[in-house]
Amino acid sequence: MSDNNVDPSGNTEAFRAFTHAPQPEPAASKTPLIVTGVVVAVVVVALIVWLVS
């Protein structure tokens, strides 16, 4: 004889665990690093041009 009474709490608990799971943090942006590198490069080139002239 099969069991016709299905306990929905198993699926509900799995869904709740899935929805309450911590979200992974997004990857850090490299834009500030790139901007800083460009600014440093411009300052170095300007310093070299100023020293040569």
C-alpha atoms as a PDB file:
ATOM      1  CA  MET A   1       0.000   0.000   0.000  1.00  0.00           C
ATOM      2  CA  SER A   2       1.443   3.361  -1.003  1.00  0.00           C
ATOM      3  CA  ASP A   3       1.598   6.396   1.224  1.00  0.00           C
ATOM      4  CA  ASN A   4      -0.690   9.086  -0.218  1.00  0.00           C
ATOM      5  CA  ASN A   5       0.129  11.622   2.483  1.00  0.00           C
ATOM      6  CA  VAL A   6       3.158  13.572   1.289  1.00  0.00           C
ATOM      7  CA  ASP A   7       4.883  15.772   3.829  1.00  0.00           C
ATOM      8  CA  PRO A   8       5.552  19.129   2.060  1.00  0.00           C
ATOM      9  CA  SER A   9       7.823  20.338   4.847  1.00  0.00           C
ATOM     10  CA  GLY A  10      10.843  18.646   3.270  1.00  0.00           C
ATOM     11  CA  ASN A  11      10.604  20.735   0.129  1.00  0.00           C
ATOM     12  CA  THR A  12       9.620  23.844   2.066  1.00  0.00           C
ATOM     13  CA  GLU A  13      12.613  23.568   4.365  1.00  0.00           C
ATOM     14  CA  ALA A  14      14.944  23.018   1.423  1.00  0.00           C
ATOM     15  CA  PHE A  15      13.506  26.094  -0.289  1.00  0.00           C
ATOM     16  CA  ARG A  16      13.860  28.197   2.845  1.00  0.00           C
ATOM     17  CA  ALA A  17      17.456  27.090   3.261  1.00  0.00           C
ATOM     18  CA  PHE A  18      18.110  28.010  -0.369  1.00  0.00           C
ATOM     19  CA  THR A  19      16.505  31.457  -0.102  1.00  0.00           C
ATOM     20  CA  HIS A  20      18.224  32.268   3.190  1.00  0.00           C
ATOM     21  CA  ALA A  21      21.644  31.155   2.000  1.00  0.00           C
ATOM     22  CA  PRO A  22      24.211  33.982   2.034  1.00  0.00           C
ATOM     23  CA  GLN A  23      24.756  35.529  -1.369  1.00  0.00           C
ATOM     24  CA  PRO A  24      28.315  35.504  -2.722  1.00  0.00           C
ATOM     25  CA  GLU A  25      29.944  38.914  -2.737  1.00  0.00           C
ATOM     26  CA  PRO A  26      30.536  40.435  -6.160  1.00  0.00           C
ATOM     27  CA  ALA A  27      34.089  40.530  -7.433  1.00  0.00           C
ATOM     28  CA  ALA A  28      36.011  43.667  -6.535  1.00  0.00           C
ATOM     29  CA  SER A  29      36.235  46.239  -9.290  1.00  0.00           C
ATOM     30  CA  LYS A  30      39.666  46.929 -10.739  1.00  0.00           C
ATOM     31  CA  THR A  31      38.685  50.410 -11.962  1.00  0.00           C
ATOM     32  CA  PRO A  32      40.284  52.316  -9.038  1.00  0.00           C
ATOM     33  CA  LEU A  33      43.532  50.415  -9.563  1.00  0.00           C
ATOM     34  CA  ILE A  34      43.560  51.222 -13.291  1.00  0.00           C
ATOM     35  CA  VAL A  35      42.771  54.898 -12.698  1.00  0.00           C
ATOM     36  CA  THR A  36      45.541  55.147 -10.098  1.00  0.00           C
ATOM     37  CA  GLY A  37      48.014  53.535 -12.502  1.00  0.00           C
ATOM     38  CA  VAL A  38      47.115  55.955 -15.287  1.00  0.00           C
ATOM     39  CA  VAL A  39      47.459  58.971 -12.964  1.00  0.00           C
ATOM     40  CA  VAL A  40      50.859  57.773 -11.734  1.00  0.00           C
ATOM     41  CA  ALA A  41      52.023  57.193 -15.322  1.00  0.00           C
ATOM     42  CA  VAL A  42      50.945  60.711 -16.360  1.00  0.00           C
ATOM     43  CA  VAL A  43      52.728  62.247 -13.358  1.00  0.00           C
ATOM     44  CA  VAL A  44      55.935  60.314 -14.112  1.00  0.00           C
ATOM     45  CA  VAL A  45      55.878  61.332 -17.793  1.00  0.00           C
ATOM     46  CA  ALA A  46      55.230  64.976 -16.835  1.00  0.00           C
ATOM     47  CA  LEU A  47      58.098  64.868 -14.323  1.00  0.00           C
ATOM     48  CA  ILE A  48      60.487  63.421 -16.935  1.00  0.00           C
ATOM     49  CA  VAL A  49      59.462  66.051 -19.509  1.00  0.00           C
ATOM     50  CA  TRP A  50      59.933  68.811 -16.914  1.00  0.00           C
ATOM     51  CA  LEU A  51      63.382  67.516 -15.924  1.00  0.00           C
ATOM     52  CA  VAL A  52      64.581  67.174 -19.532  1.00  0.00           C
ATOM     53  CA  SER A  53      63.509  70.660 -20.617  1.00  0.00           C
END
